[in-house]
Amino acid sequence: MGDLNSKLLIVCKGLLFLLIALICSTILIAQSPDPKTILLLVLLIWSASRFYYFLFYVLEKYVDPTMRYAGLLDLLLGMRQRRHAARRKLRDAQRESAVSTTISTF
């Protein structure tokens, strides 16, 4: 699936997410209209939004500018690839160090 390029479709997609959130929160509050439920729902929405902001803005802007991802699955796969690449690099450096140590003893 390609990226969305239409500004109108991007805005519509955002509005649909908002509509889903409003419908779900309305149903939850209707089923259990006590203040505790409302507070927990507000905290859930706020913390999930901040976590999403952290994943897709803070990591790219302040931690590593090369971290650009299309979604959560893409982020997880990218992190996995980075971890494997770092392990390979460490393993190669250890092998090179072992070879140079062996050569220097002769």
C-alpha atoms as a PDB file:
ATOM      1  CA  MET A   1       0.000   0.000   0.000  1.00  0.00           C
ATOM      2  CA  GLY A   2       1.370   3.393  -0.979  1.00  0.00           C
ATOM      3  CA  ASP A   3       1.573   6.545   1.057  1.00  0.00           C
ATOM      4  CA  LEU A   4      -1.367   8.917   1.212  1.00  0.00           C
ATOM      5  CA  ASN A   5      -0.598  11.962  -0.920  1.00  0.00           C
ATOM      6  CA  SER A   6      -3.962  13.700  -0.973  1.00  0.00           C
ATOM      7  CA  LYS A   7      -4.278  16.384   1.704  1.00  0.00           C
ATOM      8  CA  LEU A   8      -8.036  15.874   1.723  1.00  0.00           C
ATOM      9  CA  LEU A   9      -7.689  12.126   2.360  1.00  0.00           C
ATOM     10  CA  ILE A  10      -5.124  12.728   5.113  1.00  0.00           C
ATOM     11  CA  VAL A  11      -7.515  15.121   6.871  1.00  0.00           C
ATOM     12  CA  CYS A  12     -10.411  12.677   6.387  1.00  0.00           C
ATOM     13  CA  LYS A  13      -8.319   9.882   7.885  1.00  0.00           C
ATOM     14  CA  GLY A  14      -7.527  12.032  10.925  1.00  0.00           C
ATOM     15  CA  LEU A  15     -11.179  12.938  11.349  1.00  0.00           C
ATOM     16  CA  LEU A  16     -12.173   9.281  11.136  1.00  0.00           C
ATOM     17  CA  PHE A  17      -9.719   8.455  13.936  1.00  0.00           C
ATOM     18  CA  LEU A  18     -11.265  11.251  16.001  1.00  0.00           C
ATOM     19  CA  LEU A  19     -14.759   9.926  15.261  1.00  0.00           C
ATOM     20  CA  ILE A  20     -13.764   6.409  16.347  1.00  0.00           C
ATOM     21  CA  ALA A  21     -12.277   7.774  19.586  1.00  0.00           C
ATOM     22  CA  LEU A  22     -15.404   9.831  20.313  1.00  0.00           C
ATOM     23  CA  ILE A  23     -17.757   6.909  19.658  1.00  0.00           C
ATOM     24  CA  CYS A  24     -15.708   4.514  21.798  1.00  0.00           C
ATOM     25  CA  SER A  25     -15.360   6.954  24.683  1.00  0.00           C
ATOM     26  CA  THR A  26     -19.087   7.766  24.544  1.00  0.00           C
ATOM     27  CA  ILE A  27     -19.960   4.066  24.729  1.00  0.00           C
ATOM     28  CA  LEU A  28     -17.554   3.500  27.633  1.00  0.00           C
ATOM     29  CA  ILE A  29     -18.906   6.463  29.598  1.00  0.00           C
ATOM     30  CA  ALA A  30     -22.503   5.413  28.871  1.00  0.00           C
ATOM     31  CA  GLN A  31     -21.788   1.923  30.213  1.00  0.00           C
ATOM     32  CA  SER A  32     -20.041   3.189  33.338  1.00  0.00           C
ATOM     33  CA  PRO A  33     -20.734   6.898  33.946  1.00  0.00           C
ATOM     34  CA  ASP A  34     -18.750   7.308  37.152  1.00  0.00           C
ATOM     35  CA  PRO A  35     -15.897   9.851  37.566  1.00  0.00           C
ATOM     36  CA  LYS A  36     -13.283   7.121  37.948  1.00  0.00           C
ATOM     37  CA  THR A  37     -14.060   5.738  34.475  1.00  0.00           C
ATOM     38  CA  ILE A  38     -13.962   9.210  32.934  1.00  0.00           C
ATOM     39  CA  LEU A  39     -10.636  10.023  34.613  1.00  0.00           C
ATOM     40  CA  LEU A  40      -9.081   6.720  33.508  1.00  0.00           C
ATOM     41  CA  LEU A  41     -10.323   7.274  29.961  1.00  0.00           C
ATOM     42  CA  VAL A  42      -8.869  10.790  29.859  1.00  0.00           C
ATOM     43  CA  LEU A  43      -5.524   9.522  31.203  1.00  0.00           C
ATOM     44  CA  LEU A  44      -5.498   6.682  28.676  1.00  0.00           C
ATOM     45  CA  ILE A  45      -6.111   9.037  25.756  1.00  0.00           C
ATOM     46  CA  TRP A  46      -3.526  11.552  26.983  1.00  0.00           C
ATOM     47  CA  SER A  47      -0.801   8.985  27.667  1.00  0.00           C
ATOM     48  CA  ALA A  48      -1.356   7.121  24.386  1.00  0.00           C
ATOM     49  CA  SER A  49      -1.128  10.412  22.492  1.00  0.00           C
ATOM     50  CA  ARG A  50       2.087  11.397  24.260  1.00  0.00           C
ATOM     51  CA  PHE A  51       3.589   7.955  23.619  1.00  0.00           C
ATOM     52  CA  TYR A  52       2.762   8.219  19.907  1.00  0.00           C
ATOM     53  CA  TYR A  53       4.302  11.713  19.824  1.00  0.00           C
ATOM     54  CA  PHE A  54       7.403  10.321  21.533  1.00  0.00           C
ATOM     55  CA  LEU A  55       7.757   7.457  19.047  1.00  0.00           C
ATOM     56  CA  PHE A  56       7.355   9.477  15.888  1.00  0.00           C
ATOM     57  CA  TYR A  57       8.609  12.955  16.735  1.00  0.00           C
ATOM     58  CA  VAL A  58      10.913  12.951  19.745  1.00  0.00           C
ATOM     59  CA  LEU A  59      12.930   9.924  18.625  1.00  0.00           C
ATOM     60  CA  GLU A  60      13.461  11.399  15.158  1.00  0.00           C
ATOM     61  CA  LYS A  61      14.142  15.000  16.191  1.00  0.00           C
ATOM     62  CA  TYR A  62      16.132  14.560  19.397  1.00  0.00           C
ATOM     63  CA  VAL A  63      17.489  10.999  19.561  1.00  0.00           C
ATOM     64  CA  ASP A  64      18.341   9.897  16.019  1.00  0.00           C
ATOM     65  CA  PRO A  65      17.391  11.877  12.884  1.00  0.00           C
ATOM     66  CA  THR A  66      17.670   8.713  10.756  1.00  0.00           C
ATOM     67  CA  MET A  67      14.738   7.133  12.615  1.00  0.00           C
ATOM     68  CA  ARG A  68      11.791   7.704  10.263  1.00  0.00           C
ATOM     69  CA  TYR A  69       8.971   5.206  10.238  1.00  0.00           C
ATOM     70  CA  ALA A  70       5.576   4.837   8.592  1.00  0.00           C
ATOM     71  CA  GLY A  71       3.926   3.131  11.562  1.00  0.00           C
ATOM     72  CA  LEU A  72       4.381   1.040  14.680  1.00  0.00           C
ATOM     73  CA  LEU A  73       5.138  -2.199  12.829  1.00  0.00           C
ATOM     74  CA  ASP A  74       7.700  -0.405  10.685  1.00  0.00           C
ATOM     75  CA  LEU A  75       9.261   1.057  13.840  1.00  0.00           C
ATOM     76  CA  LEU A  76       9.515  -2.363  15.515  1.00  0.00           C
ATOM     77  CA  LEU A  77      11.028  -3.959  12.402  1.00  0.00           C
ATOM     78  CA  GLY A  78      13.519  -1.092  12.097  1.00  0.00           C
ATOM     79  CA  MET A  79      14.555  -1.437  15.732  1.00  0.00           C
ATOM     80  CA  ARG A  80      15.038  -5.171  15.223  1.00  0.00           C
ATOM     81  CA  GLN A  81      17.212  -4.581  12.163  1.00  0.00           C
ATOM     82  CA  ARG A  82      19.305  -1.997  14.045  1.00  0.00           C
ATOM     83  CA  ARG A  83      19.825  -4.415  16.937  1.00  0.00           C
ATOM     84  CA  HIS A  84      20.942  -7.198  14.590  1.00  0.00           C
ATOM     85  CA  ALA A  85      23.274  -4.825  12.734  1.00  0.00           C
ATOM     86  CA  ALA A  86      24.811  -3.665  16.030  1.00  0.00           C
ATOM     87  CA  ARG A  87      25.346  -7.269  17.121  1.00  0.00           C
ATOM     88  CA  ARG A  88      27.005  -8.125  13.793  1.00  0.00           C
ATOM     89  CA  LYS A  89      29.264  -5.085  14.086  1.00  0.00           C
ATOM     90  CA  LEU A  90      30.272  -6.032  17.640  1.00  0.00           C
ATOM     91  CA  ARG A  91      30.878  -9.658  16.641  1.00  0.00           C
ATOM     92  CA  ASP A  92      33.013  -8.571  13.657  1.00  0.00           C
ATOM     93  CA  ALA A  93      35.024  -6.196  15.862  1.00  0.00           C
ATOM     94  CA  GLN A  94      35.627  -8.971  18.387  1.00  0.00           C
ATOM     95  CA  ARG A  95      36.782 -11.334  15.629  1.00  0.00           C
ATOM     96  CA  GLU A  96      39.096  -8.680  14.198  1.00  0.00           C
ATOM     97  CA  SER A  97      40.520  -8.017  17.648  1.00  0.00           C
ATOM     98  CA  ALA A  98      41.088 -11.741  18.214  1.00  0.00           C
ATOM     99  CA  VAL A  99      42.830 -12.084  14.849  1.00  0.00           C
ATOM    100  CA  SER A 100      45.096  -9.085  15.465  1.00  0.00           C
ATOM    101  CA  THR A 101      45.958 -10.413  18.945  1.00  0.00           C
ATOM    102  CA  THR A 102      46.838 -13.811  17.465  1.00  0.00           C
ATOM    103  CA  ILE A 103      48.996 -12.234  14.750  1.00  0.00           C
ATOM    104  CA  SER A 104      50.857 -10.020  17.202  1.00  0.00           C
ATOM    105  CA  THR A 105      51.856 -13.009  19.355  1.00  0.00           C
ATOM    106  CA  PHE A 106      53.863 -14.514  16.460  1.00  0.00           C
END
